[in-house]
C-alpha cells in the first residue's frame, strides 16, 4: 500500500542465507482463554514480534512489552509501536486499521499513524507511530477537580469530532447497529443476573428494556463509535499547570451506531456523578442540561453496552446504597 514501510529486502536476503537459524512461529488458538495465557508470557511471543520488526528494518534494541490490553503490543523505541492480532481477533485488526485510515487528518487530536502492516502465521499486525503524553489512567486519579472538568470537556469535544468524520469503510462493520442493539436487549437480563446486579435494579430492567426501542434510535444515521473513551485509551500532557488531552488510541472495538453510546465510558469511569464533571462532558459533546429522556436513554445504553458490568464500572463510591432503583441510579450518575 502506498506510504507503508516495505519489508526490508536486505533483511530478507540475509535471512535466506542463514540456514541454521530456526524462527519460531505463532501458534493457533481456538479460544480466548488460551490466547490470554499465551499473551501473559512475553517470552513465548516476543522473539516472533521482534523478527517482524526486523523484517521491516526497524530497530529492536530496546523493546517494551505493554502488559495491559487485549492484543500483543510492543514499543519499538520512542517512536513506534507494534500491535499484533491473533486470528480470532482479526475483526479488531480490521477495525483498528480502517479507523486509523479513516480518521487520519480529520481530528484536532493526534492519533497513531500506520507505518506498516502485514500478516505472520495468520496473525495480522500493524506498526503505528507512538504518541506523546502520559497515559490517562496514571494521571486522572491525581488531577484537581477543575482539571478533571477541563479534561472531560475535551473528551466530549473529541467524541463529537470523531463522530463528524465520514464513516467510509467503517459503515460495513458487523453487526449493524440495529442488529447489535436487538442482540444486546435479548441477552441483557441474563447478562446482569450472571454479573450479580442487585435485585432492586434488576426489578426495573424489564420496564427499561421495553422503553429502549423508543429511547434508542435504531435507524438514525450512524456515526463512528469507539465505545471506549476511558483513561486507559488516551494520553494527557501538562502545559503551564493546565492538563489537556494529547492523544487518542485503541480503535479495535469501533462500530457504527447512535452517537450517545460513546458518552457511557466517561460517564461511568470518570464523571463519578459529580454535577460539574457531567456538565463539562455533555457541554463539550454539544448537549445542554440532561433531561429525563436523555438520562433514561443513557441508562438503557449503559446496561446494553458491549462490556456492560455496572458493579465493576460505575465509579461512584457506595452507589448501590445511594439508589433504590434504576431511575434513582440514572439521576445519581448524570447528576445536575
Protein backbone atom coordinates (compact mmCIF):
# COMPACT_ATOMS: atom_id res chain seq x y z
CA UNK A 1 0.00 0.00 0.00
CA UNK A 2 1.41 3.46 -0.88
CA UNK A 3 3.08 5.18 2.06
CA UNK A 4 3.57 2.00 4.09
CA UNK A 5 7.01 0.72 5.04
CA UNK A 6 8.07 -2.16 2.76
CA UNK A 7 9.71 -5.26 4.20
CA UNK A 8 13.45 -4.70 4.31
CA UNK A 9 14.88 -6.55 1.29
CA UNK A 10 18.38 -6.73 2.71
CA UNK A 11 16.99 -8.36 5.82
CA UNK A 12 15.14 -10.98 3.75
CA UNK A 13 18.26 -11.75 1.75
CA UNK A 14 20.31 -12.19 4.89
CA UNK A 15 17.64 -14.37 6.45
CA UNK A 16 17.56 -16.57 3.35
CA UNK A 17 21.34 -17.10 3.61
CA UNK A 18 21.22 -18.15 7.24
CA UNK A 19 20.02 -21.74 7.03
CA UNK A 20 20.93 -22.88 10.51
CA UNK A 21 18.56 -20.50 12.35
CA UNK A 22 15.02 -21.60 13.18
CA UNK A 23 12.48 -18.81 13.61
CA UNK A 24 9.60 -19.51 15.96
CA UNK A 25 6.06 -19.24 14.66
CA UNK A 26 2.84 -18.01 16.20
CA UNK A 27 0.61 -20.88 17.37
CA UNK A 28 -3.05 -21.35 16.51
CA UNK A 29 -5.66 -20.72 19.21
CA UNK A 30 -9.36 -21.51 19.08
CA UNK A 31 -10.37 -19.82 22.33
CA UNK A 32 -9.66 -16.54 24.10
CA UNK A 33 -8.51 -18.18 27.34
CA UNK A 34 -5.61 -19.98 25.64
CA UNK A 35 -4.60 -16.81 23.86
CA UNK A 36 -4.66 -14.79 27.11
CA UNK A 37 -2.36 -17.33 28.76
CA UNK A 38 -0.01 -17.06 25.78
CA UNK A 39 -0.09 -13.24 25.82
CA UNK A 40 0.72 -13.13 29.54
CA UNK A 41 4.11 -14.79 28.88
CA UNK A 42 6.05 -12.49 26.53
CA UNK A 43 8.96 -14.93 26.31
CA UNK A 44 6.70 -17.12 24.16
CA UNK A 45 5.94 -14.48 21.54
CA UNK A 46 8.41 -11.61 21.81
CA UNK A 47 11.03 -13.28 19.57
CA UNK A 48 8.49 -13.52 16.74
CA UNK A 49 7.37 -9.93 17.32
CA UNK A 50 10.95 -8.69 17.14
CA UNK A 51 11.51 -10.72 13.99
CA UNK A 52 8.54 -8.94 12.42
CA UNK A 53 10.07 -5.59 13.38
CA UNK A 54 13.44 -6.56 11.90
CA UNK A 55 11.77 -7.67 8.68
CA UNK A 56 10.63 -4.06 8.18
CA UNK A 57 14.03 -2.64 9.06
CA UNK A 58 13.02 -1.32 12.50
CA UNK A 59 15.40 -1.34 15.45
CA UNK A 60 14.67 -3.71 18.33
CA UNK A 61 17.41 -2.80 20.79
CA UNK A 62 15.02 -1.54 23.48
CA UNK A 63 11.62 -3.24 23.12
CA UNK A 64 8.95 -2.51 25.71
CA UNK A 65 6.14 -5.01 26.24
CA UNK A 66 2.82 -3.45 27.24
CA UNK A 67 1.26 -5.76 29.81
CA UNK A 68 -2.28 -4.37 29.55
CA UNK A 69 -4.63 -4.56 26.60
CA UNK A 70 -6.15 -7.32 24.53
CA UNK A 71 -3.56 -7.98 21.83
CA UNK A 72 0.23 -8.30 21.71
CA UNK A 73 1.74 -4.81 21.93
CA UNK A 74 5.44 -3.91 21.88
CA UNK A 75 7.05 -0.50 21.93
CA UNK A 76 9.92 -0.22 19.44
CA UNK A 77 11.90 2.62 20.95
CA UNK A 78 10.29 6.00 21.47
CA UNK A 79 8.63 6.41 18.07
CA UNK A 80 6.90 3.16 17.05
CA UNK A 81 4.56 0.52 18.41
CA UNK A 82 3.96 -2.96 17.01
CA UNK A 83 0.47 -4.32 17.61
CA UNK A 84 -0.23 -7.98 16.74
CA UNK A 85 -3.71 -9.50 16.50
CA UNK A 86 -4.41 -13.26 16.70
CA UNK A 87 -6.70 -14.75 14.03
CA UNK A 88 -9.60 -14.98 16.50
CA UNK A 89 -9.39 -11.17 16.92
CA UNK A 90 -8.95 -10.33 13.25
CA UNK A 91 -12.07 -8.13 13.45
CA UNK A 92 -10.16 -5.87 15.85
CA UNK A 93 -7.31 -5.57 13.36
CA UNK A 94 -9.73 -4.54 10.61
CA UNK A 95 -11.45 -2.05 12.93
CA UNK A 96 -8.15 -0.53 14.08
CA UNK A 97 -6.64 -0.32 10.61
CA UNK A 98 -9.72 1.13 8.92
CA UNK A 99 -10.38 3.58 11.76
CA UNK A 100 -6.84 4.96 11.71
CA UNK A 101 -7.03 5.37 7.95
CA UNK A 102 -10.45 6.98 8.06
CA UNK A 103 -9.66 9.42 10.88
CA UNK A 104 -6.19 10.35 9.66
CA UNK A 105 -6.01 14.14 9.32
CA UNK A 106 -9.63 14.64 10.36
CA UNK A 107 -9.24 15.26 14.11
CA UNK A 108 -7.84 18.10 16.20
CA UNK A 109 -6.23 15.49 18.46
CA UNK A 110 -3.27 13.30 17.43
CA UNK A 111 -3.94 9.61 16.76
CA UNK A 112 -1.43 6.96 15.65
CA UNK A 113 -0.46 6.75 12.00
CA UNK A 114 0.07 3.43 10.25
CA UNK A 115 3.69 2.88 9.23
CA UNK A 116 3.49 -0.79 8.21
CA UNK A 117 1.08 -3.70 8.22
CA UNK A 118 1.24 -7.39 7.39
CA UNK A 119 0.49 -10.99 8.30
CA UNK A 120 2.66 -13.59 10.05
CA UNK A 121 1.42 -17.17 10.50
CA UNK A 122 -2.15 -15.93 10.04
CA UNK A 123 -1.69 -13.24 12.72
CA UNK A 124 -2.21 -9.70 11.42
CA UNK A 125 -0.18 -6.76 12.67
CA UNK A 126 0.22 -3.00 12.49
CA UNK A 127 3.26 -0.84 13.13
CA UNK A 128 2.00 2.56 14.23
CA UNK A 129 3.51 5.80 15.47
CA UNK A 130 3.85 6.30 19.21
CA UNK A 131 2.09 9.36 20.62
CA UNK A 132 3.50 11.82 23.13
CA UNK A 133 1.99 12.14 26.59
CA UNK A 134 1.27 10.23 29.77
CA UNK A 135 -1.36 7.52 29.97
CA UNK A 136 -4.60 8.98 31.28
CA UNK A 137 -5.09 6.25 33.88
CA UNK A 138 -1.81 7.28 35.55
CA UNK A 139 -2.79 10.94 35.83
CA UNK A 140 -6.58 11.04 36.18
CA UNK A 141 -6.85 9.99 39.88
CA UNK A 142 -4.47 12.78 40.90
CA UNK A 143 -5.99 15.70 38.97
CA UNK A 144 -7.68 18.57 40.79
CA UNK A 145 -11.43 18.83 40.26
CA UNK A 146 -11.22 21.79 37.89
CA UNK A 147 -8.69 19.89 35.78
CA UNK A 148 -10.96 16.84 35.64
CA UNK A 149 -13.79 19.05 34.40
CA UNK A 150 -11.43 20.56 31.82
CA UNK A 151 -10.36 17.14 30.52
CA UNK A 152 -13.94 15.84 30.43
CA UNK A 153 -15.00 18.82 28.34
CA UNK A 154 -12.18 18.00 25.93
CA UNK A 155 -13.29 14.37 25.83
CA UNK A 156 -16.82 15.48 24.94
CA UNK A 157 -15.39 17.68 22.17
CA UNK A 158 -13.23 14.81 20.91
CA UNK A 159 -16.16 12.38 20.78
CA UNK A 160 -18.12 14.92 18.74
CA UNK A 161 -15.12 15.49 16.45
CA UNK A 162 -14.73 11.77 15.75
CA UNK A 163 -18.45 11.48 15.06
CA UNK A 164 -18.33 14.26 12.48
CA UNK A 165 -15.91 12.23 10.37
CA UNK A 166 -17.44 10.27 7.48
CA UNK A 167 -17.85 6.55 8.12
CA UNK A 168 -16.16 5.34 4.96
CA UNK A 169 -15.47 1.58 5.17
CA UNK A 170 -16.47 1.54 8.83
CA UNK A 171 -20.11 1.50 7.75
CA UNK A 172 -19.62 -2.17 6.85
CA UNK A 173 -18.62 -3.30 10.36
CA UNK A 174 -20.89 -6.07 11.63
CA UNK A 175 -23.19 -6.37 13.39
CA UNK A 176 -25.13 -3.34 12.20
CA UNK A 177 -26.38 -1.03 14.96
CA UNK A 178 -30.00 -2.22 14.89
CA UNK A 179 -28.96 -5.89 14.99
CA UNK A 180 -26.41 -5.19 17.72
CA UNK A 181 -28.99 -3.45 19.90
CA UNK A 182 -31.54 -6.24 19.46
CA UNK A 183 -28.95 -8.85 20.40
CA UNK A 184 -27.96 -6.83 23.48
CA UNK A 185 -31.60 -6.40 24.51
CA UNK A 186 -32.27 -10.11 24.22
CA UNK A 187 -29.34 -11.05 26.43
CA UNK A 188 -29.46 -8.09 28.81
CA UNK A 189 -31.28 -9.66 31.78
CA UNK A 190 -29.28 -12.89 31.67
CA UNK A 191 -26.04 -10.93 31.47
CA UNK A 192 -26.72 -8.75 34.50
CA UNK A 193 -28.08 -11.62 36.55
CA UNK A 194 -24.87 -13.51 35.83
CA UNK A 195 -22.78 -10.47 36.81
CA UNK A 196 -24.62 -10.11 40.13
CA UNK A 197 -26.56 -6.88 39.66
CA UNK A 198 -28.65 -6.27 42.78
CA UNK A 199 -32.30 -7.46 42.61
CA UNK A 200 -33.60 -3.92 43.23
CA UNK A 201 -32.02 -2.83 39.93
CA UNK A 202 -32.97 -6.00 38.08
CA UNK A 203 -36.59 -5.31 39.08
CA UNK A 204 -36.70 -2.26 36.82
CA UNK A 205 -34.84 -3.82 33.94
CA UNK A 206 -37.84 -5.14 32.01
CA UNK A 207 -39.52 -1.71 32.06
CA UNK A 208 -36.33 -0.08 30.81
CA UNK A 209 -35.91 -2.65 28.04
CA UNK A 210 -39.50 -2.09 26.91
CA UNK A 211 -38.70 1.61 26.60
CA UNK A 212 -35.31 1.04 24.96
CA UNK A 213 -36.52 0.62 21.37
CA UNK A 214 -38.21 4.02 21.53
CA UNK A 215 -35.43 5.65 23.57
CA UNK A 216 -32.57 4.44 21.39
CA UNK A 217 -32.78 5.25 17.66
CA UNK A 218 -32.15 2.10 15.66
CA UNK A 219 -32.33 3.58 12.17
CA UNK A 220 -30.81 7.05 12.64
CA UNK A 221 -27.74 7.91 10.52
CA UNK A 222 -24.84 6.10 12.24
CA UNK A 223 -21.58 7.69 13.39
CA UNK A 224 -18.17 6.33 14.35
CA UNK A 225 -18.24 4.86 17.87
CA UNK A 226 -15.15 3.66 19.74
CA UNK A 227 -17.06 2.52 22.83
CA UNK A 228 -14.01 3.21 24.97
CA UNK A 229 -13.32 6.84 25.82
CA UNK A 230 -11.70 5.86 29.10
CA UNK A 231 -8.40 6.89 30.78
CA UNK A 232 -6.62 3.76 29.52
CA UNK A 233 -7.12 4.90 25.92
CA UNK A 234 -5.94 8.50 25.90
CA UNK A 235 -2.84 10.47 26.77
CA UNK A 236 -2.51 13.65 28.80
CA UNK A 237 0.03 16.45 28.92
CA UNK A 238 0.53 19.47 31.16
CA UNK A 239 1.28 22.98 29.93
CA UNK A 240 1.65 25.80 32.46
CA UNK A 241 -0.36 23.88 35.05
CA UNK A 242 -3.20 23.01 32.68
CA UNK A 243 -3.80 19.37 31.78
CA UNK A 244 -5.10 18.53 28.31
CA UNK A 245 -5.66 15.58 26.02
CA UNK A 246 -2.59 14.98 23.85
CA UNK A 247 -3.54 11.77 22.07
CA UNK A 248 -6.18 9.13 21.47
CA UNK A 249 -5.52 5.48 20.64
CA UNK A 250 -7.02 1.95 20.53
CA UNK A 251 -9.67 1.68 17.84
CA UNK A 252 -10.09 -2.10 17.90
CA UNK A 253 -13.72 -2.04 19.03
CA UNK A 254 -15.06 0.64 16.69
CA UNK A 255 -18.60 0.22 15.36
CA UNK A 256 -21.15 2.43 13.63
CA UNK A 257 -24.23 3.48 15.57
CA UNK A 258 -26.08 6.03 17.69
CA UNK A 259 -23.91 8.86 18.99
CA UNK A 260 -24.86 8.75 22.68
CA UNK A 261 -23.24 5.30 23.07
CA UNK A 262 -19.80 6.90 23.41
CA UNK A 263 -20.82 9.01 26.39
CA UNK A 264 -21.02 5.90 28.57
CA UNK A 265 -17.32 5.28 29.19
CA UNK A 266 -16.51 8.75 30.54
CA UNK A 267 -19.85 8.87 32.37
CA UNK A 268 -19.16 5.64 34.25
CA UNK A 269 -15.39 5.78 34.76
CA UNK A 270 -14.72 9.50 35.08
CA UNK A 271 -17.70 11.74 35.80
CA UNK A 272 -18.47 9.85 39.05
CA UNK A 273 -21.85 11.54 39.45
CA UNK A 274 -20.23 14.96 40.02
CA UNK A 275 -22.51 17.65 38.50
CA UNK A 276 -19.58 19.78 37.28
CA UNK A 277 -17.96 16.84 35.53
CA UNK A 278 -21.24 15.65 33.99
CA UNK A 279 -21.99 19.17 32.74
CA UNK A 280 -18.50 19.56 31.26
CA UNK A 281 -18.68 16.23 29.40
CA UNK A 282 -22.15 16.89 27.96
CA UNK A 283 -21.44 20.52 27.03
CA UNK A 284 -18.21 19.50 25.30
CA UNK A 285 -20.23 16.94 23.36
CA UNK A 286 -22.78 19.59 22.39
CA UNK A 287 -25.61 18.80 24.80
CA UNK A 288 -27.18 21.09 27.35
CA UNK A 289 -28.66 20.20 30.70
CA UNK A 290 -29.62 16.49 30.71
CA UNK A 291 -33.38 15.95 30.84
CA UNK A 292 -35.18 12.80 31.94
CA UNK A 293 -35.31 11.36 28.42
CA UNK A 294 -31.55 11.69 27.92
CA UNK A 295 -30.77 10.16 31.31
CA UNK A 296 -33.17 7.31 30.64
CA UNK A 297 -31.61 6.67 27.24
CA UNK A 298 -28.08 6.74 28.66
CA UNK A 299 -29.11 4.37 31.45
CA UNK A 300 -30.53 1.95 28.88
CA UNK A 301 -27.39 2.19 26.75
CA UNK A 302 -25.17 1.64 29.79
CA UNK A 303 -26.99 -1.63 30.52
CA UNK A 304 -26.79 -2.64 26.86
CA UNK A 305 -23.14 -1.72 26.28
CA UNK A 306 -20.98 -4.48 24.85
CA UNK A 307 -18.83 -4.51 28.01
CA UNK A 308 -21.59 -3.59 30.48
CA UNK A 309 -20.91 -4.53 34.12
CA UNK A 310 -22.35 -1.93 36.46
CA UNK A 311 -20.78 -3.46 39.57
CA UNK A 312 -17.32 -3.09 38.08
CA UNK A 313 -17.68 0.10 36.06
CA UNK A 314 -19.67 2.73 37.98
CA UNK A 315 -17.05 4.76 39.83
CA UNK A 316 -19.31 6.32 42.47
CA UNK A 317 -18.49 5.21 45.97
CA UNK A 318 -21.43 3.49 47.63
CA UNK A 319 -23.75 3.87 44.62
CA UNK A 320 -25.52 0.59 45.38
CA UNK A 321 -26.73 2.07 48.66
CA UNK A 322 -27.50 5.55 47.31
CA UNK A 323 -30.04 4.39 44.70
CA UNK A 324 -33.07 2.13 45.18
CA UNK A 325 -33.90 1.54 41.51
CA UNK A 326 -32.71 2.30 38.00
CA UNK A 327 -34.47 5.67 37.88
CA UNK A 328 -32.65 6.83 41.01
CA UNK A 329 -29.44 5.37 39.63
CA UNK A 330 -29.65 7.40 36.41
CA UNK A 331 -30.22 10.55 38.48
CA UNK A 332 -27.14 9.67 40.53
CA UNK A 333 -24.86 9.01 37.54
CA UNK A 334 -25.95 12.04 35.50
CA UNK A 335 -26.43 14.41 38.41
CA UNK A 336 -27.18 18.06 37.57
